[in-house]
PDB file of all heavy atoms in Angstrom:
ATOM      1  N   TYR A   1     -59.936  25.564  59.151  1.00  0.00           N
ATOM      2  CA  TYR A   1     -59.941  26.312  60.408  1.00  0.00           C
ATOM      3  C   TYR A   1     -59.114  25.837  61.534  1.00  0.00           C
ATOM      4  O   TYR A   1     -59.696  25.565  62.706  1.00  0.00           O
ATOM      5  CB  TYR A   1     -61.450  26.601  60.823  1.00  0.00           C
ATOM      6  CG  TYR A   1     -62.399  27.155  59.683  1.00  0.00           C
ATOM      7  CD1 TYR A   1     -63.366  26.642  59.164  1.00  0.00           C
ATOM      8  CD2 TYR A   1     -62.011  28.561  59.415  1.00  0.00           C
ATOM      9  CE1 TYR A   1     -64.132  27.241  58.177  1.00  0.00           C
ATOM     10  CE2 TYR A   1     -62.960  29.053  58.447  1.00  0.00           C
ATOM     11  CZ  TYR A   1     -63.974  28.543  57.828  1.00  0.00           C
ATOM     12  OH  TYR A   1     -64.611  29.062  56.839  1.00  0.00           O
ATOM     13  N   GLY A   2     -57.902  25.411  61.276  1.00  0.00           N
ATOM     14  CA  GLY A   2     -57.039  24.862  62.203  1.00  0.00           C
ATOM     15  C   GLY A   2     -56.300  25.917  63.018  1.00  0.00           C
ATOM     16  O   GLY A   2     -55.125  26.191  62.939  1.00  0.00           O
ATOM     17  N   SER A   3     -57.137  26.726  63.844  1.00  0.00           N
ATOM     18  CA  SER A   3     -56.507  27.915  64.459  1.00  0.00           C
ATOM     19  C   SER A   3     -55.423  27.474  65.480  1.00  0.00           C
ATOM     20  O   SER A   3     -55.498  26.659  66.301  1.00  0.00           O
ATOM     21  CB  SER A   3     -57.709  28.584  65.389  1.00  0.00           C
ATOM     22  OG  SER A   3     -58.749  29.066  64.528  1.00  0.00           O
ATOM     23  N   GLY A   4     -54.355  28.266  65.219  1.00  0.00           N
ATOM     24  CA  GLY A   4     -52.974  27.929  65.931  1.00  0.00           C
ATOM     25  C   GLY A   4     -52.281  26.830  65.542  1.00  0.00           C
ATOM     26  O   GLY A   4     -51.238  26.500  66.249  1.00  0.00           O
ATOM     27  N   ILE A   5     -52.559  26.160  64.445  1.00  0.00           N
ATOM     28  CA  ILE A   5     -51.894  25.104  63.975  1.00  0.00           C
ATOM     29  C   ILE A   5     -50.482  25.225  63.570  1.00  0.00           C
ATOM     30  O   ILE A   5     -49.841  24.248  63.601  1.00  0.00           O
ATOM     31  CB  ILE A   5     -52.838  24.396  62.825  1.00  0.00           C
ATOM     32  CG1 ILE A   5     -52.478  22.889  62.802  1.00  0.00           C
ATOM     33  CG2 ILE A   5     -52.513  25.060  61.572  1.00  0.00           C
ATOM     34  CD1 ILE A   5     -53.654  22.068  61.881  1.00  0.00           C
ATOM     35  N   HIS A   6     -50.083  26.323  63.333  1.00  0.00           N
ATOM     36  CA  HIS A   6     -48.665  26.704  63.003  1.00  0.00           C
ATOM     37  C   HIS A   6     -47.752  26.250  64.209  1.00  0.00           C
ATOM     38  O   HIS A   6     -46.716  25.785  63.976  1.00  0.00           O
ATOM     39  CB  HIS A   6     -48.453  28.100  62.654  1.00  0.00           C
ATOM     40  CG  HIS A   6     -47.056  28.530  62.304  1.00  0.00           C
ATOM     41  ND1 HIS A   6     -46.501  28.332  61.042  1.00  0.00           N
ATOM     42  CD2 HIS A   6     -46.055  29.046  63.279  1.00  0.00           C
ATOM     43  CE1 HIS A   6     -45.152  28.740  61.172  1.00  0.00           C
ATOM     44  NE2 HIS A   6     -44.916  29.243  62.347  1.00  0.00           N
ATOM     45  N   HIS A   7     -48.354  26.331  65.452  1.00  0.00           N
ATOM     46  CA  HIS A   7     -47.462  26.071  66.517  1.00  0.00           C
ATOM     47  C   HIS A   7     -47.886  24.848  67.162  1.00  0.00           C
ATOM     48  O   HIS A   7     -47.435  24.516  68.398  1.00  0.00           O
ATOM     49  CB  HIS A   7     -47.610  27.155  67.552  1.00  0.00           C
ATOM     50  CG  HIS A   7     -46.869  28.547  67.109  1.00  0.00           C
ATOM     51  ND1 HIS A   7     -47.479  29.523  66.498  1.00  0.00           N
ATOM     52  CD2 HIS A   7     -45.480  28.756  67.166  1.00  0.00           C
ATOM     53  CE1 HIS A   7     -46.644  30.566  66.358  1.00  0.00           C
ATOM     54  NE2 HIS A   7     -45.462  30.101  66.633  1.00  0.00           N
ATOM     55  N   ALA A   8     -48.703  23.981  66.535  1.00  0.00           N
ATOM     56  CA  ALA A   8     -49.303  22.789  67.232  1.00  0.00           C
ATOM     57  C   ALA A   8     -48.307  21.607  67.153  1.00  0.00           C
ATOM     58  O   ALA A   8     -47.475  21.542  66.307  1.00  0.00           O
ATOM     59  CB  ALA A   8     -50.510  22.407  66.567  1.00  0.00           C
ATOM     60  N   GLU A   9     -48.275  20.724  68.180  1.00  0.00           N
ATOM     61  CA  GLU A   9     -47.553  19.531  68.197  1.00  0.00           C
ATOM     62  C   GLU A   9     -48.517  18.394  67.837  1.00  0.00           C
ATOM     63  O   GLU A   9     -48.085  17.380  67.330  1.00  0.00           O
ATOM     64  CB  GLU A   9     -46.906  19.449  69.526  1.00  0.00           C
ATOM     65  CG  GLU A   9     -45.847  20.394  69.821  1.00  0.00           C
ATOM     66  CD  GLU A   9     -45.558  20.558  71.273  1.00  0.00           C
ATOM     67  OE1 GLU A   9     -46.482  20.739  72.052  1.00  0.00           O
ATOM     68  OE2 GLU A   9     -44.399  20.647  71.630  1.00  0.00           O
ATOM     69  N   TRP A  10     -49.717  18.583  68.252  1.00  0.00           N
ATOM     70  CA  TRP A  10     -50.848  17.502  67.948  1.00  0.00           C
ATOM     71  C   TRP A  10     -51.974  18.108  67.257  1.00  0.00           C
ATOM     72  O   TRP A  10     -52.346  19.263  67.491  1.00  0.00           O
ATOM     73  CB  TRP A  10     -51.185  16.868  69.285  1.00  0.00           C
ATOM     74  CG  TRP A  10     -50.209  16.002  69.920  1.00  0.00           C
ATOM     75  CD1 TRP A  10     -49.292  16.315  70.820  1.00  0.00           C
ATOM     76  CD2 TRP A  10     -49.941  14.684  69.679  1.00  0.00           C
ATOM     77  NE1 TRP A  10     -48.479  15.301  71.283  1.00  0.00           N
ATOM     78  CE2 TRP A  10     -48.903  14.178  70.503  1.00  0.00           C
ATOM     79  CE3 TRP A  10     -50.645  13.673  68.840  1.00  0.00           C
ATOM     80  CZ2 TRP A  10     -48.412  12.830  70.400  1.00  0.00           C
ATOM     81  CZ3 TRP A  10     -50.215  12.353  68.966  1.00  0.00           C
ATOM     82  CH2 TRP A  10     -49.113  12.081  69.682  1.00  0.00           C
ATOM     83  N   VAL A  11     -52.637  17.434  66.518  1.00  0.00           N
ATOM     84  CA  VAL A  11     -53.697  17.824  65.609  1.00  0.00           C
ATOM     85  C   VAL A  11     -55.070  17.191  66.075  1.00  0.00           C
ATOM     86  O   VAL A  11     -55.035  15.872  66.293  1.00  0.00           O
ATOM     87  CB  VAL A  11     -53.427  17.698  64.175  1.00  0.00           C
ATOM     88  CG1 VAL A  11     -54.636  18.092  63.263  1.00  0.00           C
ATOM     89  CG2 VAL A  11     -52.064  18.336  63.707  1.00  0.00           C
ATOM     90  N   HIS A  12     -55.997  17.886  66.019  1.00  0.00           N
ATOM     91  CA  HIS A  12     -57.359  17.480  66.511  1.00  0.00           C
ATOM     92  C   HIS A  12     -58.397  17.500  65.278  1.00  0.00           C
ATOM     93  O   HIS A  12     -58.636  18.743  64.802  1.00  0.00           O
ATOM     94  CB  HIS A  12     -57.824  18.368  67.727  1.00  0.00           C
ATOM     95  CG  HIS A  12     -59.205  18.636  67.881  1.00  0.00           C
ATOM     96  ND1 HIS A  12     -59.892  18.176  69.061  1.00  0.00           N
ATOM     97  CD2 HIS A  12     -60.239  19.306  67.248  1.00  0.00           C
ATOM     98  CE1 HIS A  12     -61.064  18.645  69.071  1.00  0.00           C
ATOM     99  NE2 HIS A  12     -61.283  19.345  68.119  1.00  0.00           N
ATOM    100  N   SER A  13     -58.784  16.411  64.756  1.00  0.00           N
ATOM    101  CA  SER A  13     -59.547  16.322  63.483  1.00  0.00           C
ATOM    102  C   SER A  13     -60.861  15.649  63.656  1.00  0.00           C
ATOM    103  O   SER A  13     -60.814  14.469  63.988  1.00  0.00           O
ATOM    104  CB  SER A  13     -58.739  15.853  62.348  1.00  0.00           C
ATOM    105  OG  SER A  13     -57.496  16.468  62.240  1.00  0.00           O
ATOM    106  N   GLY A  14     -61.910  16.198  63.146  1.00  0.00           N
ATOM    107  CA  GLY A  14     -63.183  15.562  63.232  1.00  0.00           C
ATOM    108  C   GLY A  14     -63.361  14.614  62.000  1.00  0.00           C
ATOM    109  O   GLY A  14     -63.053  15.152  60.870  1.00  0.00           O
ATOM    110  N   CYS A  15     -64.007  13.467  62.145  1.00  0.00           N
ATOM    111  CA  CYS A  15     -64.171  12.636  61.025  1.00  0.00           C
ATOM    112  C   CYS A  15     -65.569  11.904  61.027  1.00  0.00           C
ATOM    113  O   CYS A  15     -65.985  11.356  62.170  1.00  0.00           O
ATOM    114  CB  CYS A  15     -63.081  11.472  60.943  1.00  0.00           C
ATOM    115  SG  CYS A  15     -61.478  12.050  60.565  1.00  0.00           S
ATOM    116  N   PHE A  16     -66.219  11.952  59.992  1.00  0.00           N
ATOM    117  CA  PHE A  16     -67.440  11.017  59.830  1.00  0.00           C
ATOM    118  C   PHE A  16     -67.076   9.635  59.701  1.00  0.00           C
ATOM    119  O   PHE A  16     -66.056   9.195  59.041  1.00  0.00           O
ATOM    120  CB  PHE A  16     -68.296  11.509  58.547  1.00  0.00           C
ATOM    121  CG  PHE A  16     -68.866  12.769  58.584  1.00  0.00           C
ATOM    122  CD1 PHE A  16     -68.380  13.831  57.753  1.00  0.00           C
ATOM    123  CD2 PHE A  16     -69.964  13.138  59.345  1.00  0.00           C
ATOM    124  CE1 PHE A  16     -69.102  15.055  57.752  1.00  0.00           C
ATOM    125  CE2 PHE A  16     -70.571  14.326  59.387  1.00  0.00           C
ATOM    126  CZ  PHE A  16     -70.241  15.265  58.566  1.00  0.00           C
ATOM    127  N   VAL A  17     -67.729   8.755  60.359  1.00  0.00           N
ATOM    128  CA  VAL A  17     -67.476   7.360  60.412  1.00  0.00           C
ATOM    129  C   VAL A  17     -68.237   6.748  59.148  1.00  0.00           C
ATOM    130  O   VAL A  17     -69.298   6.929  58.890  1.00  0.00           O
ATOM    131  CB  VAL A  17     -67.934   6.575  61.677  1.00  0.00           C
ATOM    132  CG1 VAL A  17     -67.819   5.192  61.535  1.00  0.00           C
ATOM    133  CG2 VAL A  17     -67.218   7.230  62.849  1.00  0.00           C
ATOM    134  N   THR A  18     -67.463   5.903  58.407  1.00  0.00           N
ATOM    135  CA  THR A  18     -67.948   5.145  57.187  1.00  0.00           C
ATOM    136  C   THR A  18     -67.717   3.721  57.360  1.00  0.00           C
ATOM    137  O   THR A  18     -66.999   3.171  58.260  1.00  0.00           O
ATOM    138  CB  THR A  18     -67.355   5.698  56.036  1.00  0.00           C
ATOM    139  OG1 THR A  18     -65.867   5.223  55.819  1.00  0.00           O
ATOM    140  CG2 THR A  18     -67.317   7.164  55.903  1.00  0.00           C
ATOM    141  N   ASP A  19     -68.298   2.889  56.469  1.00  0.00           N
ATOM    142  CA  ASP A  19     -67.948   1.571  56.462  1.00  0.00           C
ATOM    143  C   ASP A  19     -66.757   1.365  55.452  1.00  0.00           C
ATOM    144  O   ASP A  19     -66.198   2.386  54.990  1.00  0.00           O
ATOM    145  CB  ASP A  19     -69.265   0.676  55.980  1.00  0.00           C
ATOM    146  CG  ASP A  19     -69.680   0.999  54.610  1.00  0.00           C
ATOM    147  OD1 ASP A  19     -69.049   1.628  53.847  1.00  0.00           O
ATOM    148  OD2 ASP A  19     -70.883   0.636  54.321  1.00  0.00           O
ATOM    149  N   GLN A  20     -66.447   0.107  55.062  1.00  0.00           N
ATOM    150  CA  GLN A  20     -65.285   0.075  54.302  1.00  0.00           C
ATOM    151  C   GLN A  20     -65.486   0.528  52.800  1.00  0.00           C
ATOM    152  O   GLN A  20     -64.543   0.758  52.098  1.00  0.00           O
ATOM    153  CB  GLN A  20     -64.928  -1.523  54.226  1.00  0.00           C
ATOM    154  CG  GLN A  20     -64.481  -2.038  55.413  1.00  0.00           C
ATOM    155  CD  GLN A  20     -63.328  -1.427  56.051  1.00  0.00           C
ATOM    156  OE1 GLN A  20     -62.245  -1.038  55.251  1.00  0.00           O
ATOM    157  NE2 GLN A  20     -63.259  -1.095  57.359  1.00  0.00           N
ATOM    158  N   ASP A  21     -66.775   0.601  52.391  1.00  0.00           N
ATOM    159  CA  ASP A  21     -67.050   1.154  51.072  1.00  0.00           C
ATOM    160  C   ASP A  21     -67.198   2.710  51.027  1.00  0.00           C
ATOM    161  O   ASP A  21     -67.537   3.242  49.995  1.00  0.00           O
ATOM    162  CB  ASP A  21     -68.391   0.386  50.515  1.00  0.00           C
ATOM    163  CG  ASP A  21     -68.085  -1.133  50.300  1.00  0.00           C
ATOM    164  OD1 ASP A  21     -66.921  -1.474  49.846  1.00  0.00           O
ATOM    165  OD2 ASP A  21     -69.025  -1.924  50.617  1.00  0.00           O
ATOM    166  N   GLY A  22     -67.141   3.287  52.099  1.00  0.00           N
ATOM    167  CA  GLY A  22     -67.188   4.761  52.182  1.00  0.00           C
ATOM    168  C   GLY A  22     -68.610   5.191  52.521  1.00  0.00           C
ATOM    169  O   GLY A  22     -68.833   6.416  52.412  1.00  0.00           O
ATOM    170  N   ASN A  23     -69.548   4.381  52.733  1.00  0.00           N
ATOM    171  CA  ASN A  23     -70.819   4.745  53.283  1.00  0.00           C
ATOM    172  C   ASN A  23     -70.883   5.321  54.681  1.00  0.00           C
ATOM    173  O   ASN A  23     -70.369   4.645  55.506  1.00  0.00           O
ATOM    174  CB  ASN A  23     -71.911   3.467  53.012  1.00  0.00           C
ATOM    175  CG  ASN A  23     -71.889   3.052  51.709  1.00  0.00           C
ATOM    176  OD1 ASN A  23     -72.031   3.785  50.657  1.00  0.00           O
ATOM    177  ND2 ASN A  23     -71.601   1.852  51.431  1.00  0.00           N
ATOM    178  N   MET A  24     -71.525   6.541  54.884  1.00  0.00           N
ATOM    179  CA  MET A  24     -71.550   7.053  56.176  1.00  0.00           C
ATOM    180  C   MET A  24     -72.460   6.203  57.083  1.00  0.00           C
ATOM    181  O   MET A  24     -73.439   5.670  56.622  1.00  0.00           O
ATOM    182  CB  MET A  24     -72.081   8.426  56.088  1.00  0.00           C
ATOM    183  CG  MET A  24     -70.992   9.416  55.554  1.00  0.00           C
ATOM    184  SD  MET A  24     -71.447  11.256  55.397  1.00  0.00           S
ATOM    185  CE  MET A  24     -72.143  11.524  57.057  1.00  0.00           C
ATOM    186  N   GLN A  25     -72.043   6.150  58.341  1.00  0.00           N
ATOM    187  CA  GLN A  25     -72.803   5.386  59.301  1.00  0.00           C
ATOM    188  C   GLN A  25     -73.457   6.370  60.207  1.00  0.00           C
ATOM    189  O   GLN A  25     -73.130   7.452  60.483  1.00  0.00           O
ATOM    190  CB  GLN A  25     -71.856   4.598  60.165  1.00  0.00           C
ATOM    191  CG  GLN A  25     -71.003   3.609  59.366  1.00  0.00           C
ATOM    192  CD  GLN A  25     -71.763   2.598  58.646  1.00  0.00           C
ATOM    193  OE1 GLN A  25     -72.346   1.672  59.366  1.00  0.00           O
ATOM    194  NE2 GLN A  25     -71.929   2.724  57.294  1.00  0.00           N
ATOM    195  N   PHE A  26     -74.788   5.951  60.741  1.00  0.00           N
ATOM    196  CA  PHE A  26     -75.571   6.725  61.447  1.00  0.00           C
ATOM    197  C   PHE A  26     -75.967   6.088  62.751  1.00  0.00           C
ATOM    198  O   PHE A  26     -76.033   4.982  62.916  1.00  0.00           O
ATOM    199  CB  PHE A  26     -76.898   7.057  60.641  1.00  0.00           C
ATOM    200  CG  PHE A  26     -76.698   7.812  59.442  1.00  0.00           C
ATOM    201  CD1 PHE A  26     -76.283   7.175  58.174  1.00  0.00           C
ATOM    202  CD2 PHE A  26     -76.713   9.179  59.408  1.00  0.00           C
ATOM    203  CE1 PHE A  26     -76.068   7.830  57.079  1.00  0.00           C
ATOM    204  CE2 PHE A  26     -76.329   9.865  58.206  1.00  0.00           C
ATOM    205  CZ  PHE A  26     -76.056   9.162  57.045  1.00  0.00           C
ATOM    206  N   GLY A  27     -76.200   7.017  63.826  1.00  0.00           N
ATOM    207  CA  GLY A  27     -76.621   6.523  65.143  1.00  0.00           C
ATOM    208  C   GLY A  27     -78.073   6.308  65.104  1.00  0.00           C
ATOM    209  O   GLY A  27     -78.808   6.429  64.238  1.00  0.00           O
ATOM    210  N   GLU A  28     -78.562   5.811  66.390  1.00  0.00           N
ATOM    211  CA  GLU A  28     -79.837   5.537  66.489  1.00  0.00           C
ATOM    212  C   GLU A  28     -80.891   6.558  66.269  1.00  0.00           C
ATOM    213  O   GLU A  28     -81.999   6.456  65.774  1.00  0.00           O
ATOM    214  CB  GLU A  28     -80.138   4.921  67.839  1.00  0.00           C
ATOM    215  CG  GLU A  28     -79.395   3.603  68.299  1.00  0.00           C
ATOM    216  CD  GLU A  28     -79.741   3.071  69.747  1.00  0.00           C
ATOM    217  OE1 GLU A  28     -80.559   3.896  70.417  1.00  0.00           O
ATOM    218  OE2 GLU A  28     -79.068   2.063  70.088  1.00  0.00           O
ATOM    219  N   ALA A  29     -80.551   7.776  66.544  1.00  0.00           N
ATOM    220  CA  ALA A  29     -81.429   8.926  66.214  1.00  0.00           C
ATOM    221  C   ALA A  29     -81.291   9.456  64.823  1.00  0.00           C
ATOM    222  O   ALA A  29     -81.906  10.517  64.473  1.00  0.00           O
ATOM    223  CB  ALA A  29     -81.116  10.036  67.231  1.00  0.00           C
ATOM    224  N   GLY A  30     -80.488   8.852  64.039  1.00  0.00           N
ATOM    225  CA  GLY A  30     -80.411   9.137  62.579  1.00  0.00           C
ATOM    226  C   GLY A  30     -79.279  10.179  62.354  1.00  0.00           C
ATOM    227  O   GLY A  30     -79.124  10.674  61.212  1.00  0.00           O
ATOM    228  N   GLN A  31     -78.457  10.560  63.327  1.00  0.00           N
ATOM    229  CA  GLN A  31     -77.467  11.538  63.184  1.00  0.00           C
ATOM    230  C   GLN A  31     -76.138  10.735  62.689  1.00  0.00           C
ATOM    231  O   GLN A  31     -75.938   9.667  63.021  1.00  0.00           O
ATOM    232  CB  GLN A  31     -77.277  12.409  64.336  1.00  0.00           C
ATOM    233  CG  GLN A  31     -76.399  11.659  65.485  1.00  0.00           C
ATOM    234  CD  GLN A  31     -77.220  10.614  66.284  1.00  0.00           C
ATOM    235  OE1 GLN A  31     -78.368  10.456  65.938  1.00  0.00           O
ATOM    236  NE2 GLN A  31     -76.646  10.030  67.283  1.00  0.00           N
ATOM    237  N   PRO A  32     -75.343  11.468  61.912  1.00  0.00           N
ATOM    238  CA  PRO A  32     -74.125  10.770  61.370  1.00  0.00           C
ATOM    239  C   PRO A  32     -73.164  10.525  62.668  1.00  0.00           C
ATOM    240  O   PRO A  32     -73.220  11.198  63.582  1.00  0.00           O
ATOM    241  CB  PRO A  32     -73.416  11.823  60.543  1.00  0.00           C
ATOM    242  CG  PRO A  32     -74.523  12.745  60.027  1.00  0.00           C
ATOM    243  CD  PRO A  32     -75.467  12.804  61.316  1.00  0.00           C
ATOM    244  N   LYS A  33     -72.456   9.466  62.541  1.00  0.00           N
ATOM    245  CA  LYS A  33     -71.465   9.039  63.529  1.00  0.00           C
ATOM    246  C   LYS A  33     -70.324   9.821  63.315  1.00  0.00           C
ATOM    247  O   LYS A  33     -69.777   9.874  62.147  1.00  0.00           O
ATOM    248  CB  LYS A  33     -71.357   7.472  63.640  1.00  0.00           C
ATOM    249  CG  LYS A  33     -72.440   6.635  64.169  1.00  0.00           C
ATOM    250  CD  LYS A  33     -72.152   5.154  64.159  1.00  0.00           C
ATOM    251  CE  LYS A  33     -72.930   4.462  64.835  1.00  0.00           C
ATOM    252  NZ  LYS A  33     -72.690   2.921  64.961  1.00  0.00           N
ATOM    253  N   ILE A  34     -69.655  10.411  64.334  1.00  0.00           N
ATOM    254  CA  ILE A  34     -68.512  11.190  64.227  1.00  0.00           C
ATOM    255  C   ILE A  34     -67.463  10.743  65.314  1.00  0.00           C
ATOM    256  O   ILE A  34     -67.903  10.559  66.391  1.00  0.00           O
ATOM    257  CB  ILE A  34     -68.893  12.668  64.384  1.00  0.00           C
ATOM    258  CG1 ILE A  34     -69.858  13.237  63.276  1.00  0.00           C
ATOM    259  CG2 ILE A  34     -67.617  13.601  64.266  1.00  0.00           C
ATOM    260  CD1 ILE A  34     -70.563  14.461  63.587  1.00  0.00           C
ATOM    261  N   ILE A  35     -66.176  10.786  64.933  1.00  0.00           N
ATOM    262  CA  ILE A  35     -65.214  10.558  65.906  1.00  0.00           C
ATOM    263  C   ILE A  35     -64.233  11.863  65.864  1.00  0.00           C
ATOM    264  O   ILE A  35     -64.221  12.318  64.807  1.00  0.00           O
ATOM    265  CB  ILE A  35     -64.334   9.381  65.806  1.00  0.00           C
ATOM    266  CG1 ILE A  35     -63.627   9.227  64.508  1.00  0.00           C
ATOM    267  CG2 ILE A  35     -65.381   8.131  66.050  1.00  0.00           C
ATOM    268  CD1 ILE A  35     -62.727   8.071  64.310  1.00  0.00           C
ATOM    269  N   VAL A  36     -63.590  12.095  67.008  1.00  0.00           N
ATOM    270  CA  VAL A  36     -62.532  13.210  66.933  1.00  0.00           C
ATOM    271  C   VAL A  36     -61.245  12.525  67.158  1.00  0.00           C
ATOM    272  O   VAL A  36     -61.019  11.693  68.075  1.00  0.00           O
ATOM    273  CB  VAL A  36     -62.673  14.116  68.107  1.00  0.00           C
ATOM    274  CG1 VAL A  36     -61.631  15.176  68.198  1.00  0.00           C
ATOM    275  CG2 VAL A  36     -64.121  14.843  67.940  1.00  0.00           C
ATOM    276  N   CYS A  37     -60.340  12.856  66.168  1.00  0.00           N
ATOM    277  CA  CYS A  37     -59.043  12.092  66.021  1.00  0.00           C
ATOM    278  C   CYS A  37     -57.938  12.997  66.423  1.00  0.00           C
ATOM    279  O   CYS A  37     -57.935  14.152  66.343  1.00  0.00           O
ATOM    280  CB  CYS A  37     -58.804  11.615  64.515  1.00  0.00           C
ATOM    281  SG  CYS A  37     -60.159  10.752  63.937  1.00  0.00           S
TER     282      CYS A  37
END
């Protein structure tokens, strides 16, 4: 769902945060940690 991406110069992508082994990381409330790249 990259709407408008044909004409984009920059890309905005959400990512789950993991450790070095690929294990997802969670916040204090138990929700996955996410960054927008």
